[in-house]
Amino acid sequence: MANHSATKKDVRQATKRRDSNRYYGKTTRNAIRDLKATAEKKAYEESLPNVVSMIDKLAKRGIIHKNKAANLKSKLTKKAAAIA
């Protein structure tokens, strides 16, 4: 364990950030999973912008890489076009 007060504070901050990042990441993964399970075109297209926004926020915060965000969004929009 750290001995300096500044290092102890950094550990506390890192813990808070890690918990926050895990929460946002898991929430977004759940939203993606629910979106993929949707079979109706109208419902899919209504929830797609919200999920894309969540993915963009993860990339902006540095939780996921920007290329991973682009790949996820690409796959989701391809599925939107494929749903009959």
Protein backbone atom coordinates (compact mmCIF):
# COMPACT_ATOMS: atom_id res chain seq x y z
CA MET A 1 0.00 0.00 0.00
CA ALA A 2 1.12 3.54 -0.69
CA ASN A 3 2.61 5.67 2.05
CA HIS A 4 2.24 9.15 0.57
CA SER A 5 -1.07 10.91 0.96
CA ALA A 6 -1.13 11.95 -2.70
CA THR A 7 -0.65 8.35 -3.78
CA LYS A 8 -3.42 7.20 -1.46
CA LYS A 9 -5.71 9.81 -2.99
CA ASP A 10 -4.75 8.62 -6.48
CA VAL A 11 -5.66 5.06 -5.52
CA ARG A 12 -9.07 6.25 -4.30
CA GLN A 13 -9.67 8.22 -7.49
CA ALA A 14 -8.60 5.32 -9.69
CA THR A 15 -11.02 3.03 -7.84
CA LYS A 16 -13.90 5.45 -8.43
CA ARG A 17 -12.99 5.84 -12.09
CA ARG A 18 -12.69 2.09 -12.59
CA ASP A 19 -16.10 1.47 -11.02
CA SER A 20 -17.67 4.19 -13.14
CA ASN A 21 -16.07 2.87 -16.33
CA ARG A 22 -17.20 -0.67 -15.55
CA TYR A 23 -20.75 0.55 -14.99
CA TYR A 24 -20.94 2.48 -18.27
CA GLY A 25 -19.27 -0.32 -20.20
CA LYS A 26 -21.58 -2.99 -18.85
CA THR A 27 -24.68 -0.84 -19.36
CA THR A 28 -23.70 -0.27 -22.98
CA ARG A 29 -22.98 -3.96 -23.57
CA ASN A 30 -26.41 -4.82 -22.17
CA ALA A 31 -28.02 -2.24 -24.46
CA ILE A 32 -26.19 -3.71 -27.46
CA ARG A 33 -27.28 -7.22 -26.48
CA ASP A 34 -30.91 -6.12 -26.16
CA LEU A 35 -30.73 -4.30 -29.48
CA LYS A 36 -29.33 -7.38 -31.24
CA ALA A 37 -32.17 -9.46 -29.81
CA THR A 38 -34.79 -7.12 -31.27
CA ALA A 39 -36.46 -8.62 -34.34
CA GLU A 40 -38.85 -5.80 -35.27
CA LYS A 41 -37.46 -3.20 -37.66
CA LYS A 42 -39.32 -0.25 -36.14
CA ALA A 43 -38.23 -1.01 -32.58
CA TYR A 44 -34.66 -1.60 -33.76
CA GLU A 45 -34.48 1.72 -35.59
CA GLU A 46 -35.96 3.59 -32.62
CA SER A 47 -33.39 2.31 -30.14
CA LEU A 48 -30.38 2.36 -32.49
CA PRO A 49 -29.56 6.09 -32.04
CA ASN A 50 -29.52 5.72 -28.25
CA VAL A 51 -27.15 2.76 -28.39
CA VAL A 52 -24.89 4.51 -30.91
CA SER A 53 -24.76 7.50 -28.59
CA MET A 54 -23.76 5.27 -25.69
CA ILE A 55 -20.98 3.72 -27.79
CA ASP A 56 -19.72 7.17 -28.81
CA LYS A 57 -19.60 8.25 -25.16
CA LEU A 58 -17.53 5.18 -24.26
CA ALA A 59 -15.05 6.01 -27.01
CA LYS A 60 -14.93 9.66 -25.97
CA ARG A 61 -14.20 8.71 -22.35
CA GLY A 62 -11.50 6.27 -23.46
CA ILE A 63 -13.26 3.21 -22.10
CA ILE A 64 -13.15 1.56 -25.52
CA HIS A 65 -10.96 2.32 -28.53
CA LYS A 66 -12.42 4.55 -31.24
CA ASN A 67 -11.97 1.82 -33.86
CA LYS A 68 -13.86 -0.67 -31.70
CA ALA A 69 -16.65 1.89 -31.40
CA ALA A 70 -16.70 2.31 -35.17
CA ASN A 71 -16.82 -1.46 -35.69
CA LEU A 72 -19.70 -1.87 -33.23
CA LYS A 73 -21.70 0.92 -34.84
CA SER A 74 -21.03 -0.47 -38.31
CA LYS A 75 -22.26 -3.94 -37.35
CA LEU A 76 -25.39 -2.54 -35.72
CA THR A 77 -26.29 -0.37 -38.71
CA LYS A 78 -25.66 -3.28 -41.10
CA LYS A 79 -28.12 -5.35 -39.09
CA ALA A 80 -30.64 -2.50 -39.28
CA ALA A 81 -30.47 -2.67 -43.05
CA ALA A 82 -30.72 -6.47 -43.04
CA ILE A 83 -33.84 -6.72 -40.88
CA ALA A 84 -36.83 -7.38 -43.08
